[in-house]
């Protein structure tokens, strides 16, 4: 399958095409990509939540009082708020759920997670890579240390300083397409925050499944369903048409 889709080649970017001109050194590539990536990051500047009337009430990272009201369903939606933002705010009401019986990460769970992780996965700026965590998971006392570091953050919401930084990396979105505006920018996070996020996502999906809160077309992260099936269904629909 990878041969047929030409996915055996590296997706790292060593050159880019800008206005029919090739850039192949780091300085020129960074200078060309900076305004493009800045535009992508700032693409949400004109969305409703960043406009003065909502931004003043909600803040950039969420004022506690307003967020509590949204979760309770008692938030008074401001006049002038558009239809779809109103719908989103109403749907954000929190469903009362029984939290997981265990909000910490055991040594055994930590060991199993790192056994399954792929060693070649790229990690964050600190240099603590997946291979190191996989190696430590083979020693019980080291796995216990890693589990306690992950647990402290997972149980309390605390964030380590090294978790607050990442590396922006450019990848080819389409094979052999080196046009600067067609590249994909991804953010590499620390390896241990990565697995914590996976655990959080898994538990959220399990709660959603249990309470029947997931939509029918939500295939990703669910048992016996795969996100790739959506593309297959879409293609079969087009073929039938």
Protein backbone atom coordinates (compact mmCIF):
# COMPACT_ATOMS: atom_id res chain seq x y z
CA UNK A 1 0.00 0.00 0.00
CA UNK A 2 2.80 2.43 0.88
CA UNK A 3 4.56 1.67 -2.43
CA UNK A 4 1.34 2.30 -4.37
CA UNK A 5 0.73 5.62 -2.60
CA UNK A 6 4.41 6.62 -2.82
CA UNK A 7 4.68 6.95 0.96
CA UNK A 8 8.08 5.32 1.38
CA UNK A 9 9.92 8.57 0.76
CA UNK A 10 10.84 11.00 3.52
CA UNK A 11 8.34 13.81 4.18
CA UNK A 12 10.98 16.14 5.66
CA UNK A 13 11.47 19.47 3.89
CA UNK A 14 14.94 20.24 2.53
CA UNK A 15 13.88 22.66 -0.19
CA UNK A 16 10.80 24.71 -1.09
CA UNK A 17 9.41 26.44 -4.17
CA UNK A 18 8.48 30.13 -3.82
CA UNK A 19 7.25 32.10 -6.86
CA UNK A 20 8.91 29.57 -9.20
CA UNK A 21 12.20 29.93 -7.34
CA UNK A 22 13.86 27.19 -5.29
CA UNK A 23 15.04 27.90 -1.74
CA UNK A 24 17.37 25.24 -0.36
CA UNK A 25 19.17 26.73 2.66
CA UNK A 26 17.76 27.08 6.17
CA UNK A 27 17.77 30.90 6.31
CA UNK A 28 15.94 31.36 3.00
CA UNK A 29 13.45 28.59 3.79
CA UNK A 30 12.61 30.07 7.21
CA UNK A 31 12.22 33.60 5.82
CA UNK A 32 9.86 32.35 3.12
CA UNK A 33 7.77 30.18 5.45
CA UNK A 34 7.44 32.63 8.35
CA UNK A 35 4.74 34.89 6.79
CA UNK A 36 2.87 31.84 5.44
CA UNK A 37 2.76 30.11 8.84
CA UNK A 38 1.95 33.38 10.59
CA UNK A 39 -1.06 33.73 8.31
CA UNK A 40 -2.24 30.21 9.20
CA UNK A 41 -1.86 30.84 12.93
CA UNK A 42 -3.74 34.15 12.71
CA UNK A 43 -6.51 32.76 10.49
CA UNK A 44 -8.93 32.76 13.45
CA UNK A 45 -8.49 36.45 14.30
CA UNK A 46 -11.82 37.37 12.68
CA UNK A 47 -13.87 34.60 14.33
CA UNK A 48 -16.66 35.51 16.82
CA UNK A 49 -14.83 34.63 20.05
CA UNK A 50 -12.03 37.07 19.24
CA UNK A 51 -14.37 40.00 18.61
CA UNK A 52 -14.56 42.68 21.36
CA UNK A 53 -18.04 41.91 22.75
CA UNK A 54 -17.31 38.20 23.40
CA UNK A 55 -13.60 38.58 24.07
CA UNK A 56 -14.30 41.06 26.85
CA UNK A 57 -16.58 38.58 28.65
CA UNK A 58 -14.71 35.31 27.97
CA UNK A 59 -11.08 36.45 27.74
CA UNK A 60 -8.40 34.84 25.60
CA UNK A 61 -7.98 31.77 27.83
CA UNK A 62 -11.38 31.74 29.52
CA UNK A 63 -12.39 33.74 32.60
CA UNK A 64 -13.36 31.26 35.33
CA UNK A 65 -16.75 32.79 36.14
CA UNK A 66 -17.90 32.89 32.50
CA UNK A 67 -16.64 29.38 31.78
CA UNK A 68 -18.43 28.00 34.86
CA UNK A 69 -21.67 29.61 33.64
CA UNK A 70 -21.24 28.06 30.16
CA UNK A 71 -20.63 24.61 31.67
CA UNK A 72 -23.68 25.01 33.95
CA UNK A 73 -25.83 26.19 31.04
CA UNK A 74 -26.62 29.52 32.75
CA UNK A 75 -24.45 31.76 30.56
CA UNK A 76 -26.38 34.76 29.25
CA UNK A 77 -25.51 34.96 25.54
CA UNK A 78 -24.85 38.53 24.49
CA UNK A 79 -27.05 40.31 21.98
CA UNK A 80 -25.48 40.40 18.54
CA UNK A 81 -23.95 36.93 18.86
CA UNK A 82 -24.42 35.00 15.61
CA UNK A 83 -26.58 31.88 15.30
CA UNK A 84 -23.78 29.28 15.19
CA UNK A 85 -21.84 30.74 18.11
CA UNK A 86 -25.08 30.63 20.12
CA UNK A 87 -25.51 26.97 19.19
CA UNK A 88 -21.94 26.19 20.22
CA UNK A 89 -22.30 27.92 23.61
CA UNK A 90 -25.53 26.02 24.34
CA UNK A 91 -23.97 22.69 23.36
CA UNK A 92 -21.00 23.38 25.65
CA UNK A 93 -23.15 22.72 28.71
CA UNK A 94 -21.42 20.06 30.76
CA UNK A 95 -23.00 16.65 31.08
CA UNK A 96 -22.84 15.33 34.62
CA UNK A 97 -20.68 12.24 34.56
CA UNK A 98 -19.09 9.96 37.07
CA UNK A 99 -15.34 10.64 36.86
CA UNK A 100 -12.95 7.73 36.31
CA UNK A 101 -12.39 5.71 39.47
CA UNK A 102 -8.65 6.26 39.12
CA UNK A 103 -7.24 9.61 38.00
CA UNK A 104 -3.60 8.64 38.45
CA UNK A 105 -1.22 6.63 36.26
CA UNK A 106 0.09 3.39 37.70
CA UNK A 107 3.54 1.97 37.05
CA UNK A 108 1.99 -0.96 35.19
CA UNK A 109 -0.07 1.32 32.95
CA UNK A 110 2.96 3.49 32.21
CA UNK A 111 5.01 0.42 31.30
CA UNK A 112 2.35 -0.88 28.91
CA UNK A 113 1.93 2.50 27.20
CA UNK A 114 5.62 2.86 26.43
CA UNK A 115 5.90 -0.74 25.24
CA UNK A 116 3.33 0.02 22.53
CA UNK A 117 4.82 3.42 21.57
CA UNK A 118 6.86 3.68 18.37
CA UNK A 119 10.49 4.52 19.07
CA UNK A 120 10.89 6.56 15.87
CA UNK A 121 8.16 9.04 16.86
CA UNK A 122 9.61 12.55 17.08
CA UNK A 123 9.35 14.41 20.39
CA UNK A 124 9.85 17.94 21.75
CA UNK A 125 12.66 20.40 22.25
CA UNK A 126 14.05 18.95 25.51
CA UNK A 127 15.71 15.98 23.82
CA UNK A 128 13.86 13.44 26.01
CA UNK A 129 12.86 11.09 23.21
CA UNK A 130 10.51 8.11 22.88
CA UNK A 131 13.41 5.65 22.89
CA UNK A 132 14.51 6.83 26.33
CA UNK A 133 11.04 6.42 27.81
CA UNK A 134 10.67 2.99 26.20
CA UNK A 135 14.01 1.93 27.70
CA UNK A 136 13.04 3.22 31.16
CA UNK A 137 9.75 1.32 30.98
CA UNK A 138 11.76 -1.93 31.05
CA UNK A 139 13.00 -1.09 34.58
CA UNK A 140 10.32 -1.00 37.25
CA UNK A 141 11.85 1.74 39.42
CA UNK A 142 12.42 4.02 36.42
CA UNK A 143 8.93 3.34 35.09
CA UNK A 144 7.56 4.21 38.55
CA UNK A 145 9.39 7.55 38.41
CA UNK A 146 7.98 8.35 34.95
CA UNK A 147 4.50 7.29 36.07
CA UNK A 148 4.66 9.63 39.09
CA UNK A 149 5.75 12.57 36.89
CA UNK A 150 2.85 11.92 34.51
CA UNK A 151 0.40 11.35 37.37
CA UNK A 152 1.13 14.64 39.11
CA UNK A 153 0.19 16.53 35.94
CA UNK A 154 -2.75 14.29 35.03
CA UNK A 155 -4.35 14.40 38.48
CA UNK A 156 -3.91 18.11 39.21
CA UNK A 157 -3.68 19.89 35.86
CA UNK A 158 -0.16 21.07 36.67
CA UNK A 159 2.11 21.64 33.66
CA UNK A 160 5.89 21.30 33.65
CA UNK A 161 7.90 24.09 32.10
CA UNK A 162 9.33 21.84 29.38
CA UNK A 163 5.76 20.93 28.41
CA UNK A 164 5.07 24.59 27.60
CA UNK A 165 7.36 24.63 24.55
CA UNK A 166 7.34 22.74 21.28
CA UNK A 167 9.06 22.57 17.91
CA UNK A 168 7.34 23.68 14.71
CA UNK A 169 8.21 21.27 11.90
CA UNK A 170 7.42 21.50 8.19
CA UNK A 171 6.36 18.37 6.31
CA UNK A 172 5.30 17.66 2.75
CA UNK A 173 1.51 17.52 2.67
CA UNK A 174 1.47 16.02 -0.84
CA UNK A 175 4.28 13.86 -2.19
CA UNK A 176 6.81 15.83 -4.27
CA UNK A 177 4.83 19.09 -3.87
CA UNK A 178 7.39 21.58 -2.53
CA UNK A 179 5.32 24.75 -2.97
CA UNK A 180 5.69 26.83 0.19
CA UNK A 181 1.96 27.39 0.67
CA UNK A 182 1.21 23.66 0.30
CA UNK A 183 3.37 22.41 3.17
CA UNK A 184 2.04 21.15 6.50
CA UNK A 185 3.23 22.67 9.77
CA UNK A 186 3.02 20.44 12.86
CA UNK A 187 3.94 21.04 16.50
CA UNK A 188 6.10 18.44 18.25
CA UNK A 189 5.33 18.15 21.97
CA UNK A 190 7.22 16.39 24.73
CA UNK A 191 6.91 12.60 24.62
CA UNK A 192 5.29 12.25 28.06
CA UNK A 193 2.72 15.01 27.53
CA UNK A 194 1.90 13.27 24.27
CA UNK A 195 0.94 10.02 26.00
CA UNK A 196 -0.95 11.94 28.70
CA UNK A 197 -3.03 13.60 25.98
CA UNK A 198 -3.76 10.19 24.47
CA UNK A 199 -4.98 8.92 27.84
CA UNK A 200 -7.19 11.99 28.26
CA UNK A 201 -8.67 11.52 24.79
CA UNK A 202 -9.29 7.82 25.39
CA UNK A 203 -11.12 8.45 28.67
CA UNK A 204 -13.20 11.25 27.11
CA UNK A 205 -14.24 8.94 24.27
CA UNK A 206 -15.14 6.17 26.71
CA UNK A 207 -17.37 8.54 28.69
CA UNK A 208 -18.98 9.82 25.48
CA UNK A 209 -19.63 6.25 24.35
CA UNK A 210 -21.09 5.25 27.68
CA UNK A 211 -23.48 8.21 27.77
CA UNK A 212 -24.35 7.96 24.06
CA UNK A 213 -23.11 11.50 23.42
CA UNK A 214 -21.09 10.80 20.27
CA UNK A 215 -22.47 11.55 16.83
CA UNK A 216 -23.18 8.73 14.36
CA UNK A 217 -20.45 9.95 11.99
CA UNK A 218 -17.78 10.10 14.71
CA UNK A 219 -15.62 7.12 13.73
CA UNK A 220 -12.19 8.07 15.11
CA UNK A 221 -11.12 6.64 18.48
CA UNK A 222 -14.10 4.27 18.77
CA UNK A 223 -14.09 0.48 19.03
CA UNK A 224 -14.75 -1.37 15.78
CA UNK A 225 -14.69 1.94 13.87
CA UNK A 226 -11.84 3.73 12.08
CA UNK A 227 -11.61 7.33 10.87
CA UNK A 228 -10.35 6.09 7.48
CA UNK A 229 -13.71 4.41 6.89
CA UNK A 230 -15.27 7.87 6.48
CA UNK A 231 -13.12 8.49 3.39
CA UNK A 232 -13.99 5.05 2.03
CA UNK A 233 -17.74 5.64 2.54
CA UNK A 234 -17.44 9.05 0.88
CA UNK A 235 -15.61 7.57 -2.13
CA UNK A 236 -18.15 4.74 -2.48
CA UNK A 237 -20.97 7.30 -2.35
CA UNK A 238 -19.35 9.31 -5.16
CA UNK A 239 -18.84 6.11 -7.18
CA UNK A 240 -22.52 5.22 -6.78
CA UNK A 241 -23.59 8.71 -7.86
